[in-house]
Amino acid sequence: MINKISLENFTLFHKIEMELSPKINIIIGENGTGKTQLLKAVYAASSSRQQIGATSSDDDVIRTKMTERFIKLFLPLDDKLGKLHRNGADTNAKVNLIFGDSNEIEIGFYNNSQAVSVKGKGKLEETLAAPLYLPTKEVLSFMKGFTSLYQRFDLSFDQTYQDICLLLDLPEIRNEAMQEKAKWAIQEINNVIGGKFVFYGGGKVTFKSERNEYSANVVAEGFRKVGMLARLLETGAIQPGISGTMFWDEPESNLNPKLMEMLVEILLELSRQGLQIVLATHDYVFLKWFDLLANEKKGDDIRFHALYRQNGQIKVEHAENYNGISENAISDTYSNLTKAQVKRNMGGLGK
């Protein structure tokens, strides 16, 4: 679990700090305010902590592997780490995380750095719960052969896609080892999509309904997206209270609004069982379902983080409820849309 994050001179960010809820965090903001970059930066640092901790405590190896991790996740121009340094900044870029166990890790570099510096290390020598990152696009439609191609060729996909393909292709955990709420969530998803995705290994995925089996490619993209969540629960990649933080970039992308209520209910329930979730979204309907379905009596803790531009810098505003956000581009847009509709109804806009 991650308690606090701080980014300084990293990509778009001059300096921002965020204290995360142990349950659900929702990041909003206009295009170009760095939502995806923020998610990836935190994922890069926290996933490196777990992966490297299992293999090495040598400082040079740690720096090399963390440098590779940032480059593969962000794909900077010419694969140069320094391209992730904020343009015009005269001090180091820093990504700092403080974890729930009070350990800390800080990754730093300058615009001409060949490798990152690492401070704190967050007890890299210990094997820790791995986080996971769900990218904006679903991957079930191109999983077959993707991992081997990614390892052999210079594909124009960042490493989040390889990471998630590897997790989806893991075998299912034993039924008795699966948490009851995970079983419930899988069944909810399968009921809504009218079947289930079947994974044969090597990236081969099909969709089975009660009577037929189809290629995953012919199934609606929104179904494939929630199908990824069901599979991650099946493999144990998501185990509330055991696995690390789940990052999801635009979970609502290509999702029919009718599916959003179910998805929000599942995410709330997983957070109640101990899963920390960090989401980035543009969608008003998705946000409102969180607002409507959150239940304080069940211990729900949703924290909203709104990114916005002020005097040429990215700032962040925090709120414990959706209505408490003043810098809310999503609500502002819907408010303007409503005003335009009213104006049109009154004859003020052309038809």
Protein backbone atom coordinates (compact mmCIF):
# COMPACT_ATOMS: atom_id res chain seq x y z
CA MET A 1 0.00 0.00 0.00
CA ILE A 2 1.17 3.50 -0.85
CA ASN A 3 0.54 6.31 1.64
CA LYS A 4 2.07 9.33 -0.09
CA ILE A 5 3.55 10.25 -3.46
CA SER A 6 5.62 13.23 -4.52
CA LEU A 7 6.72 14.16 -8.04
CA GLU A 8 9.20 16.94 -8.72
CA ASN A 9 10.44 18.09 -12.16
CA PHE A 10 9.11 14.87 -13.66
CA THR A 11 7.64 15.23 -17.18
CA LEU A 12 4.94 17.93 -16.83
CA PHE A 13 5.12 18.29 -13.07
CA HIS A 14 6.95 21.07 -11.25
CA LYS A 15 6.08 19.67 -7.84
CA ILE A 16 2.98 17.90 -6.56
CA GLU A 17 2.24 15.82 -3.49
CA MET A 18 -0.66 13.46 -2.91
CA GLU A 19 -1.75 11.52 0.15
CA LEU A 20 -3.58 8.42 -1.00
CA SER A 21 -6.60 6.75 0.49
CA PRO A 22 -5.90 3.14 1.46
CA LYS A 23 -9.02 2.23 -0.54
CA ILE A 24 -10.00 4.18 -3.68
CA ASN A 25 -8.30 7.15 -5.31
CA ILE A 26 -9.75 8.82 -8.40
CA ILE A 27 -7.62 11.16 -10.50
CA ILE A 28 -9.38 13.57 -12.83
CA GLY A 29 -8.25 16.46 -15.00
CA GLU A 30 -8.30 17.84 -18.51
CA ASN A 31 -6.27 16.25 -21.30
CA GLY A 32 -2.61 17.16 -20.94
CA THR A 33 -2.59 17.50 -17.16
CA GLY A 34 -0.56 14.31 -16.68
CA LYS A 35 -3.01 11.75 -15.30
CA THR A 36 -1.46 8.80 -17.15
CA GLN A 37 2.09 10.00 -16.47
CA LEU A 38 1.30 10.20 -12.77
CA LEU A 39 -0.12 6.67 -12.70
CA LYS A 40 2.84 5.26 -14.60
CA ALA A 41 5.41 7.04 -12.43
CA VAL A 42 3.93 5.61 -9.24
CA TYR A 43 3.52 2.18 -10.82
CA ALA A 44 7.11 2.23 -12.10
CA ALA A 45 8.56 2.99 -8.69
CA SER A 46 6.33 0.60 -6.76
CA SER A 47 6.65 -2.30 -9.21
CA SER A 48 10.43 -1.92 -9.36
CA ARG A 49 10.49 -2.18 -5.60
CA GLN A 50 8.89 -5.61 -5.70
CA GLN A 51 10.53 -7.02 -8.82
CA ILE A 52 14.10 -6.01 -8.03
CA GLY A 53 13.77 -6.88 -4.36
CA ALA A 54 13.27 -10.50 -5.30
CA THR A 55 16.45 -10.71 -7.35
CA SER A 56 19.18 -8.35 -6.21
CA SER A 57 20.40 -5.92 -3.55
CA ASP A 58 23.37 -4.69 -5.61
CA ASP A 59 23.11 -0.90 -6.07
CA ASP A 60 24.34 -0.89 -9.68
CA VAL A 61 21.89 -3.63 -10.68
CA ILE A 62 19.03 -1.78 -8.98
CA ARG A 63 19.86 1.48 -10.78
CA THR A 64 20.16 -0.28 -14.14
CA LYS A 65 16.90 -2.17 -13.77
CA MET A 66 14.97 0.86 -12.54
CA THR A 67 16.32 2.94 -15.41
CA GLU A 68 15.18 0.27 -17.88
CA ARG A 69 11.80 0.15 -16.16
CA PHE A 70 11.16 3.88 -16.55
CA ILE A 71 12.31 3.89 -20.17
CA LYS A 72 10.14 0.92 -21.12
CA LEU A 73 7.08 2.30 -19.37
CA PHE A 74 7.35 5.85 -20.74
CA LEU A 75 9.11 5.30 -24.09
CA PRO A 76 10.87 8.72 -24.04
CA LEU A 77 12.28 10.16 -27.27
CA ASP A 78 15.43 8.26 -28.36
CA ASP A 79 15.04 6.09 -25.23
CA LYS A 80 16.82 8.78 -23.23
CA LEU A 81 15.99 8.97 -19.55
CA GLY A 82 16.70 12.71 -19.49
CA LYS A 83 13.73 13.34 -21.80
CA LEU A 84 11.52 12.64 -18.76
CA HIS A 85 13.08 15.59 -16.92
CA ARG A 86 10.78 18.65 -16.88
CA ASN A 87 11.72 21.09 -19.60
CA GLY A 88 13.61 24.09 -18.19
CA ALA A 89 13.98 22.73 -14.65
CA ASP A 90 17.37 23.33 -13.01
CA THR A 91 17.13 20.65 -10.30
CA ASN A 92 16.76 16.87 -10.40
CA ALA A 93 13.58 15.04 -11.31
CA LYS A 94 12.29 12.99 -8.38
CA VAL A 95 9.63 10.36 -7.86
CA ASN A 96 9.15 9.65 -4.16
CA LEU A 97 6.85 7.07 -2.56
CA ILE A 98 6.14 6.41 1.11
CA PHE A 99 4.59 3.00 1.69
CA GLY A 100 2.19 1.76 4.31
CA ASP A 101 5.04 0.00 6.14
CA SER A 102 6.73 3.45 6.51
CA ASN A 103 9.49 2.52 4.09
CA GLU A 104 10.37 5.01 1.37
CA ILE A 105 11.88 4.99 -2.09
CA GLU A 106 13.02 7.92 -4.21
CA ILE A 107 14.09 7.73 -7.84
CA GLY A 108 15.96 10.74 -9.22
CA PHE A 109 17.72 11.86 -12.40
CA TYR A 110 18.76 14.96 -14.35
CA ASN A 111 18.34 15.85 -18.02
CA ASN A 112 21.68 14.29 -19.00
CA SER A 113 21.50 11.28 -16.67
CA GLN A 114 22.26 7.84 -18.07
CA ALA A 115 20.74 6.09 -15.06
CA VAL A 116 18.49 6.93 -12.14
CA SER A 117 19.69 7.40 -8.58
CA VAL A 118 17.88 5.46 -5.86
CA LYS A 119 17.44 6.56 -2.27
CA GLY A 120 15.69 4.76 0.52
CA LYS A 121 15.11 1.69 -1.64
CA GLY A 122 11.98 0.78 0.36
CA LYS A 123 13.61 -2.42 1.60
CA LEU A 124 14.21 -3.80 -1.87
CA GLU A 125 15.73 -6.93 -0.36
CA GLU A 126 12.26 -8.05 0.72
CA THR A 127 9.79 -9.70 -1.64
CA LEU A 128 6.68 -7.53 -1.50
CA ALA A 129 3.18 -7.61 -2.93
CA ALA A 130 3.28 -6.68 -6.60
CA PRO A 131 1.11 -3.86 -7.94
CA LEU A 132 -0.61 -4.13 -11.30
CA TYR A 133 -1.51 -1.64 -14.01
CA LEU A 134 -4.44 -1.93 -16.40
CA PRO A 135 -3.79 0.26 -19.46
CA THR A 136 -6.52 2.16 -21.27
CA LYS A 137 -6.83 -0.39 -24.10
CA GLU A 138 -7.94 -3.96 -23.50
CA VAL A 139 -5.42 -6.62 -24.54
CA LEU A 140 -7.48 -9.81 -24.99
CA SER A 141 -7.87 -9.14 -28.70
CA PHE A 142 -4.09 -9.19 -29.38
CA MET A 143 -2.62 -11.36 -26.60
CA LYS A 144 -1.70 -14.33 -28.79
CA GLY A 145 2.01 -14.08 -29.56
CA PHE A 146 2.27 -10.58 -28.10
CA THR A 147 4.68 -11.38 -25.27
CA SER A 148 7.17 -13.20 -27.48
CA LEU A 149 7.00 -10.43 -30.08
CA TYR A 150 7.48 -7.79 -27.38
CA GLN A 151 10.59 -9.54 -26.11
CA ARG A 152 12.10 -9.92 -29.60
CA PHE A 153 11.20 -6.68 -31.35
CA ASP A 154 11.03 -2.98 -30.64
CA LEU A 155 7.23 -2.67 -30.54
CA SER A 156 5.53 0.68 -30.05
CA PHE A 157 3.76 -0.50 -26.89
CA ASP A 158 4.86 0.59 -23.45
CA GLN A 159 5.66 -2.15 -20.95
CA THR A 160 2.31 -1.94 -19.16
CA TYR A 161 0.92 -4.06 -22.02
CA GLN A 162 3.50 -6.79 -21.58
CA ASP A 163 3.03 -6.71 -17.82
CA ILE A 164 -0.71 -7.22 -18.02
CA CYS A 165 -0.48 -9.93 -20.71
CA LEU A 166 1.87 -11.93 -18.48
CA LEU A 167 -0.54 -11.66 -15.55
CA LEU A 168 -3.57 -12.62 -17.64
CA ASP A 169 -1.77 -15.72 -18.95
CA LEU A 170 -1.06 -17.09 -15.48
CA PRO A 171 -2.94 -20.27 -14.49
CA GLU A 172 -6.03 -20.00 -12.29
CA ILE A 173 -5.46 -20.33 -8.57
CA ARG A 174 -7.17 -23.15 -6.68
CA ASN A 175 -10.85 -22.55 -5.99
CA GLU A 176 -10.35 -22.90 -2.24
CA ALA A 177 -7.63 -20.24 -2.34
CA MET A 178 -9.87 -17.70 -4.06
CA GLN A 179 -11.62 -15.17 -1.85
CA GLU A 180 -15.41 -15.27 -1.75
CA LYS A 181 -15.74 -11.68 -2.94
CA ALA A 182 -13.47 -12.49 -5.88
CA LYS A 183 -15.76 -15.37 -6.82
CA TRP A 184 -18.74 -13.05 -6.52
CA ALA A 185 -17.14 -10.42 -8.75
CA ILE A 186 -16.22 -12.99 -11.42
CA GLN A 187 -19.79 -14.32 -11.45
CA GLU A 188 -21.24 -10.79 -11.69
CA ILE A 189 -19.07 -10.06 -14.71
CA ASN A 190 -19.81 -13.37 -16.43
CA ASN A 191 -23.55 -12.94 -15.88
CA VAL A 192 -23.52 -9.51 -17.49
CA ILE A 193 -21.38 -10.46 -20.49
CA GLY A 194 -23.27 -13.72 -21.06
CA GLY A 195 -20.35 -16.13 -20.76
CA LYS A 196 -16.69 -16.17 -19.82
CA PHE A 197 -13.29 -15.73 -21.38
CA VAL A 198 -11.21 -18.89 -21.48
CA PHE A 199 -7.40 -18.76 -21.46
CA TYR A 200 -5.53 -21.66 -23.02
CA GLY A 201 -2.00 -20.34 -22.47
CA GLY A 202 0.36 -18.66 -24.88
CA GLY A 203 -2.07 -15.78 -25.22
CA LYS A 204 -4.86 -17.81 -26.83
CA VAL A 205 -8.20 -16.48 -25.55
CA THR A 206 -11.73 -17.45 -26.52
CA PHE A 207 -15.18 -16.54 -25.25
CA LYS A 208 -17.59 -19.29 -24.19
CA SER A 209 -21.30 -18.73 -23.86
CA GLU A 210 -23.76 -21.39 -22.76
CA ARG A 211 -23.97 -22.83 -26.29
CA ASN A 212 -21.01 -21.62 -28.32
CA GLU A 213 -17.32 -20.71 -28.25
CA TYR A 214 -16.02 -17.69 -30.17
CA SER A 215 -12.81 -15.84 -30.85
CA ALA A 216 -12.29 -13.12 -28.26
CA ASN A 217 -11.94 -10.66 -31.14
CA VAL A 218 -15.61 -10.82 -32.05
CA VAL A 219 -16.74 -9.94 -28.53
CA ALA A 220 -17.57 -6.32 -27.65
CA GLU A 221 -14.57 -4.34 -26.45
CA GLY A 222 -16.35 -3.31 -23.25
CA PHE A 223 -16.91 -7.00 -22.42
CA ARG A 224 -13.24 -7.71 -23.08
CA LYS A 225 -12.30 -4.93 -20.71
CA VAL A 226 -14.29 -6.20 -17.74
CA GLY A 227 -13.25 -9.72 -18.74
CA MET A 228 -9.66 -8.71 -17.96
CA LEU A 229 -10.69 -7.88 -14.41
CA ALA A 230 -12.41 -11.24 -14.00
CA ARG A 231 -9.31 -13.05 -15.24
CA LEU A 232 -6.97 -11.16 -12.91
CA LEU A 233 -9.16 -12.27 -10.02
CA GLU A 234 -9.06 -15.87 -11.30
CA THR A 235 -5.26 -15.94 -11.44
CA GLY A 236 -4.82 -14.27 -8.05
CA ALA A 237 -3.01 -11.30 -9.59
CA ILE A 238 -5.68 -9.33 -7.72
CA GLN A 239 -6.13 -10.55 -4.16
CA PRO A 240 -7.47 -7.89 -1.81
CA GLY A 241 -5.31 -7.55 1.28
CA ILE A 242 -2.51 -9.55 -0.38
CA SER A 243 -1.67 -8.09 -3.79
CA GLY A 244 -0.31 -4.59 -4.25
CA THR A 245 -1.99 -1.42 -5.47
CA MET A 246 -4.14 -1.67 -8.61
CA PHE A 247 -3.72 1.17 -11.12
CA TRP A 248 -6.31 1.50 -13.88
CA ASP A 249 -6.13 4.14 -16.59
CA GLU A 250 -9.59 5.09 -17.89
CA PRO A 251 -11.50 1.95 -16.90
CA GLU A 252 -14.59 3.46 -18.51
CA SER A 253 -12.98 3.62 -21.96
CA ASN A 254 -15.18 1.76 -24.52
CA LEU A 255 -17.46 0.67 -21.69
CA ASN A 256 -21.20 0.94 -22.16
CA PRO A 257 -22.66 3.14 -19.38
CA LYS A 258 -24.84 0.18 -18.34
CA LEU A 259 -21.68 -1.72 -17.33
CA MET A 260 -20.33 1.12 -15.20
CA GLU A 261 -22.63 0.57 -12.22
CA MET A 262 -21.57 -3.08 -11.97
CA LEU A 263 -17.89 -2.19 -12.31
CA VAL A 264 -18.08 0.48 -9.61
CA GLU A 265 -19.86 -1.94 -7.26
CA ILE A 266 -17.09 -4.50 -7.79
CA LEU A 267 -14.29 -1.97 -7.27
CA LEU A 268 -15.90 -0.70 -4.07
CA GLU A 269 -16.25 -4.25 -2.75
CA LEU A 270 -12.64 -5.13 -3.58
CA SER A 271 -11.48 -1.99 -1.78
CA ARG A 272 -13.54 -3.00 1.28
CA GLN A 273 -11.62 -6.27 1.31
CA GLY A 274 -8.26 -4.46 1.42
CA LEU A 275 -7.32 -3.61 -2.18
CA GLN A 276 -5.89 -0.13 -2.76
CA ILE A 277 -7.09 1.24 -6.11
CA VAL A 278 -5.88 4.26 -8.08
CA LEU A 279 -7.97 5.23 -11.13
CA ALA A 280 -7.74 7.95 -13.76
CA THR A 281 -10.97 8.86 -15.51
CA HIS A 282 -12.68 11.41 -17.78
CA ASP A 283 -16.19 10.07 -17.40
CA TYR A 284 -18.97 11.84 -15.51
CA VAL A 285 -21.24 8.76 -15.31
CA PHE A 286 -18.43 6.63 -13.90
CA LEU A 287 -17.63 9.28 -11.28
CA LYS A 288 -21.26 9.72 -10.28
CA TRP A 289 -21.69 5.99 -9.68
CA PHE A 290 -18.87 6.17 -7.15
CA ASP A 291 -20.58 9.18 -5.60
CA LEU A 292 -23.93 7.36 -5.43
CA LEU A 293 -22.79 3.87 -4.40
CA ALA A 294 -20.17 4.74 -1.77
CA ASN A 295 -21.34 3.76 1.70
CA GLU A 296 -19.67 5.21 4.79
CA LYS A 297 -21.26 2.51 6.95
CA LYS A 298 -19.28 -0.06 4.96
CA GLY A 299 -16.07 1.88 5.50
CA ASP A 300 -15.78 3.27 1.98
CA ASP A 301 -13.01 5.86 1.63
CA ILE A 302 -12.84 7.57 -1.76
CA ARG A 303 -10.36 10.38 -2.32
CA PHE A 304 -10.57 12.58 -5.41
CA HIS A 305 -7.43 14.21 -6.84
CA ALA A 306 -8.06 16.87 -9.49
CA LEU A 307 -5.15 17.95 -11.69
CA TYR A 308 -5.35 21.40 -13.26
CA ARG A 309 -3.14 24.08 -14.78
CA GLN A 310 -2.37 27.32 -12.98
CA ASN A 311 0.20 29.87 -14.15
CA GLY A 312 1.78 27.29 -16.45
CA GLN A 313 2.15 24.63 -13.75
CA ILE A 314 0.22 21.47 -12.95
CA LYS A 315 -1.46 21.69 -9.55
CA VAL A 316 -3.54 19.17 -7.64
CA GLU A 317 -6.64 19.63 -5.52
CA HIS A 318 -7.84 16.95 -3.10
CA ALA A 319 -11.39 16.27 -1.88
CA GLU A 320 -13.11 13.58 0.15
CA ASN A 321 -16.24 13.77 -1.98
CA TYR A 322 -17.01 14.53 -5.60
CA ASN A 323 -18.95 17.71 -4.90
CA GLY A 324 -16.01 19.09 -2.93
CA ILE A 325 -13.84 19.48 -6.04
CA SER A 326 -13.71 23.06 -7.27
CA GLU A 327 -11.30 22.40 -10.17
CA ASN A 328 -13.56 19.90 -11.91
CA ALA A 329 -13.34 20.03 -15.71
CA ILE A 330 -15.77 17.12 -16.06
CA SER A 331 -18.58 18.75 -14.07
CA ASP A 332 -17.89 22.09 -15.73
CA THR A 333 -18.29 20.50 -19.16
CA TYR A 334 -21.57 18.81 -18.25
CA SER A 335 -22.83 22.02 -16.70
CA ASN A 336 -22.04 23.88 -19.93
CA LEU A 337 -23.77 21.14 -21.92
CA THR A 338 -26.90 21.47 -19.78
CA LYS A 339 -26.88 25.25 -20.18
CA ALA A 340 -26.54 24.87 -23.96
CA GLN A 341 -29.47 22.44 -24.03
CA VAL A 342 -31.64 24.83 -22.01
CA LYS A 343 -30.65 27.70 -24.28
CA ARG A 344 -31.52 25.67 -27.35
CA ASN A 345 -34.89 24.68 -25.90
CA MET A 346 -35.59 28.35 -25.35
CA GLY A 347 -34.70 29.14 -28.96
CA GLY A 348 -31.25 30.56 -28.34
CA LEU A 349 -29.29 28.01 -30.38
CA GLY A 350 -29.74 26.89 -33.96
CA LYS A 351 -31.27 23.50 -34.54
